[in-house]
Structures are given as structure tokens and as C-alpha cells.
Amino acid sequence: MEAAATDDALALFVLLMQVRLISAARRAPDRDWVADRGRVAKASRMLDGVFRLWSEQQDLVAESGADLDAGAMWRALETEIGQGDHQNSH
């Protein structure tokens, strides 16, 4: 039940982030949207990475019956975000 609640919370977070990004895109004039497209794409990739890592962690927790290790999850997210920034700088 805790895993389901966590999944629901993450799904809500993803939905809110999508709504926020889409709403900002609709409000921005075309020239601003073009200028910000790189930042939106980066944020989208980051969000995708976070969702993927979270899903993988939830699958591992469900398969093993272990508790979610929040510290390990945070370190994995920091690594994913850091790698995304590093990959985009080259």
C-alpha cells in the first residue's frame, strides 16, 4: 500500500510538472518559447530520468520486499542529473 501511495504521489508530481511546463509554453510568446526551448527540453529529460529511476527503484522494492532507501534514491537522482548536465555540455 505504501508503494502504491508513493507511485500515486510521483504520478501527481509528474502531472503537475507537465501542466506547469505546458502552461508556461502556452503563455510565452513564440520568440520566448523558441529561446527557452533548450531549457524546457533539459527539464523534460531530467523529469524523464527522475521518473525512470523512481520506477526502477519501486520495482526493486516490490520484487525484494525491502524498504525504499531514500538516501540511495537521492544519490542516484543526483548522479542522473549530473550525468545529464555533463552529457549536454559536450
C-alpha atoms as a PDB file:
ATOM      1  CA  MET A   1       0.000   0.000   0.000  1.00  0.00           C
ATOM      2  CA  GLU A   2       2.913   2.339   0.745  1.00  0.00           C
ATOM      3  CA  ALA A   3       4.370   1.665  -2.712  1.00  0.00           C
ATOM      4  CA  ALA A   4       1.015   2.443  -4.324  1.00  0.00           C
ATOM      5  CA  ALA A   5       0.770   5.702  -2.394  1.00  0.00           C
ATOM      6  CA  THR A   6       4.307   6.611  -3.427  1.00  0.00           C
ATOM      7  CA  ASP A   7       3.513   5.790  -7.057  1.00  0.00           C
ATOM      8  CA  ASP A   8       0.383   7.951  -6.864  1.00  0.00           C
ATOM      9  CA  ALA A   9       2.366  10.837  -5.375  1.00  0.00           C
ATOM     10  CA  LEU A  10       5.000  10.566  -8.097  1.00  0.00           C
ATOM     11  CA  ALA A  11       2.344  10.397 -10.820  1.00  0.00           C
ATOM     12  CA  LEU A  12       0.751  13.543  -9.391  1.00  0.00           C
ATOM     13  CA  PHE A  13       4.141  15.283  -9.316  1.00  0.00           C
ATOM     14  CA  VAL A  14       4.794  14.364 -12.962  1.00  0.00           C
ATOM     15  CA  LEU A  15       1.337  15.588 -13.972  1.00  0.00           C
ATOM     16  CA  LEU A  16       1.799  18.890 -12.142  1.00  0.00           C
ATOM     17  CA  MET A  17       5.206  19.419 -13.754  1.00  0.00           C
ATOM     18  CA  GLN A  18       3.769  18.692 -17.194  1.00  0.00           C
ATOM     19  CA  VAL A  19       0.895  21.112 -16.625  1.00  0.00           C
ATOM     20  CA  ARG A  20       3.328  23.752 -15.396  1.00  0.00           C
ATOM     21  CA  LEU A  21       5.601  23.342 -18.434  1.00  0.00           C
ATOM     22  CA  ILE A  22       2.707  23.287 -20.893  1.00  0.00           C
ATOM     23  CA  SER A  23       1.003  26.282 -19.276  1.00  0.00           C
ATOM     24  CA  ALA A  24       4.225  28.284 -19.376  1.00  0.00           C
ATOM     25  CA  ALA A  25       4.724  27.358 -23.014  1.00  0.00           C
ATOM     26  CA  ARG A  26       1.218  28.479 -23.931  1.00  0.00           C
ATOM     27  CA  ARG A  27       1.623  31.817 -22.166  1.00  0.00           C
ATOM     28  CA  ALA A  28       5.012  32.628 -23.652  1.00  0.00           C
ATOM     29  CA  PRO A  29       5.200  34.486 -26.942  1.00  0.00           C
ATOM     30  CA  ASP A  30       6.636  32.466 -29.814  1.00  0.00           C
ATOM     31  CA  ARG A  31      10.033  34.141 -29.656  1.00  0.00           C
ATOM     32  CA  ASP A  32      10.323  33.439 -25.921  1.00  0.00           C
ATOM     33  CA  TRP A  33       9.286  29.841 -26.471  1.00  0.00           C
ATOM     34  CA  VAL A  34      11.989  29.364 -29.086  1.00  0.00           C
ATOM     35  CA  ALA A  35      14.578  30.948 -26.788  1.00  0.00           C
ATOM     36  CA  ASP A  36      13.511  28.767 -23.832  1.00  0.00           C
ATOM     37  CA  ARG A  37      13.076  25.548 -25.807  1.00  0.00           C
ATOM     38  CA  GLY A  38      16.505  24.275 -24.723  1.00  0.00           C
ATOM     39  CA  ARG A  39      15.689  24.757 -21.052  1.00  0.00           C
ATOM     40  CA  VAL A  40      12.316  23.064 -21.458  1.00  0.00           C
ATOM     41  CA  ALA A  41      13.943  20.145 -23.263  1.00  0.00           C
ATOM     42  CA  LYS A  42      16.544  19.820 -20.491  1.00  0.00           C
ATOM     43  CA  ALA A  43      13.843  19.918 -17.811  1.00  0.00           C
ATOM     44  CA  SER A  44      11.859  17.309 -19.721  1.00  0.00           C
ATOM     45  CA  ARG A  45      14.882  14.981 -19.950  1.00  0.00           C
ATOM     46  CA  MET A  46      15.570  15.476 -16.253  1.00  0.00           C
ATOM     47  CA  LEU A  47      11.980  14.700 -15.335  1.00  0.00           C
ATOM     48  CA  ASP A  48      12.058  11.615 -17.548  1.00  0.00           C
ATOM     49  CA  GLY A  49      15.243  10.454 -15.809  1.00  0.00           C
ATOM     50  CA  VAL A  50      13.748  11.011 -12.373  1.00  0.00           C
ATOM     51  CA  PHE A  51      10.587   9.107 -13.299  1.00  0.00           C
ATOM     52  CA  ARG A  52      12.615   6.227 -14.814  1.00  0.00           C
ATOM     53  CA  LEU A  53      14.868   5.917 -11.750  1.00  0.00           C
ATOM     54  CA  TRP A  54      11.902   6.117  -9.399  1.00  0.00           C
ATOM     55  CA  SER A  55      10.060   3.412 -11.335  1.00  0.00           C
ATOM     56  CA  GLU A  56      13.118   1.153 -11.329  1.00  0.00           C
ATOM     57  CA  GLN A  57      13.564   1.653  -7.581  1.00  0.00           C
ATOM     58  CA  GLN A  58       9.893   0.898  -6.929  1.00  0.00           C
ATOM     59  CA  ASP A  59      10.186  -2.298  -8.990  1.00  0.00           C
ATOM     60  CA  LEU A  60      13.238  -3.383  -6.969  1.00  0.00           C
ATOM     61  CA  VAL A  61      11.462  -2.638  -3.695  1.00  0.00           C
ATOM     62  CA  ALA A  62       8.399  -4.595  -4.819  1.00  0.00           C
ATOM     63  CA  GLU A  63      10.473  -7.569  -6.015  1.00  0.00           C
ATOM     64  CA  SER A  64      12.703  -7.776  -2.945  1.00  0.00           C
ATOM     65  CA  GLY A  65      10.204  -6.726  -0.310  1.00  0.00           C
ATOM     66  CA  ALA A  66      12.812  -4.308   1.061  1.00  0.00           C
ATOM     67  CA  ASP A  67      12.168  -0.777   2.247  1.00  0.00           C
ATOM     68  CA  LEU A  68      12.828   2.163  -0.031  1.00  0.00           C
ATOM     69  CA  ASP A  69      16.299   3.574   0.665  1.00  0.00           C
ATOM     70  CA  ALA A  70      15.688   7.299   0.327  1.00  0.00           C
ATOM     71  CA  GLY A  71      19.395   8.125   0.619  1.00  0.00           C
ATOM     72  CA  ALA A  72      20.332   5.748  -2.196  1.00  0.00           C
ATOM     73  CA  MET A  73      17.484   7.086  -4.298  1.00  0.00           C
ATOM     74  CA  TRP A  74      18.650  10.665  -3.764  1.00  0.00           C
ATOM     75  CA  ARG A  75      22.259   9.763  -4.700  1.00  0.00           C
ATOM     76  CA  ALA A  76      21.019   8.009  -7.867  1.00  0.00           C
ATOM     77  CA  LEU A  77      18.983  11.084  -8.805  1.00  0.00           C
ATOM     78  CA  GLU A  78      21.951  13.381  -8.225  1.00  0.00           C
ATOM     79  CA  THR A  79      24.098  11.119 -10.406  1.00  0.00           C
ATOM     80  CA  GLU A  80      21.450  11.039 -13.149  1.00  0.00           C
ATOM     81  CA  ILE A  81      21.036  14.799 -13.118  1.00  0.00           C
ATOM     82  CA  GLY A  82      24.801  15.349 -13.035  1.00  0.00           C
ATOM     83  CA  GLN A  83      25.330  12.987 -15.968  1.00  0.00           C
ATOM     84  CA  GLY A  84      22.588  14.725 -17.927  1.00  0.00           C
ATOM     85  CA  ASP A  85      24.282  18.097 -17.393  1.00  0.00           C
ATOM     86  CA  HIS A  86      27.673  16.630 -18.286  1.00  0.00           C
ATOM     87  CA  GLN A  87      26.369  14.943 -21.444  1.00  0.00           C
ATOM     88  CA  ASN A  88      24.666  18.131 -22.615  1.00  0.00           C
ATOM     89  CA  SER A  89      27.808  20.219 -22.150  1.00  0.00           C
ATOM     90  CA  HIS A  90      29.753  18.195 -24.742  1.00  0.00           C
END
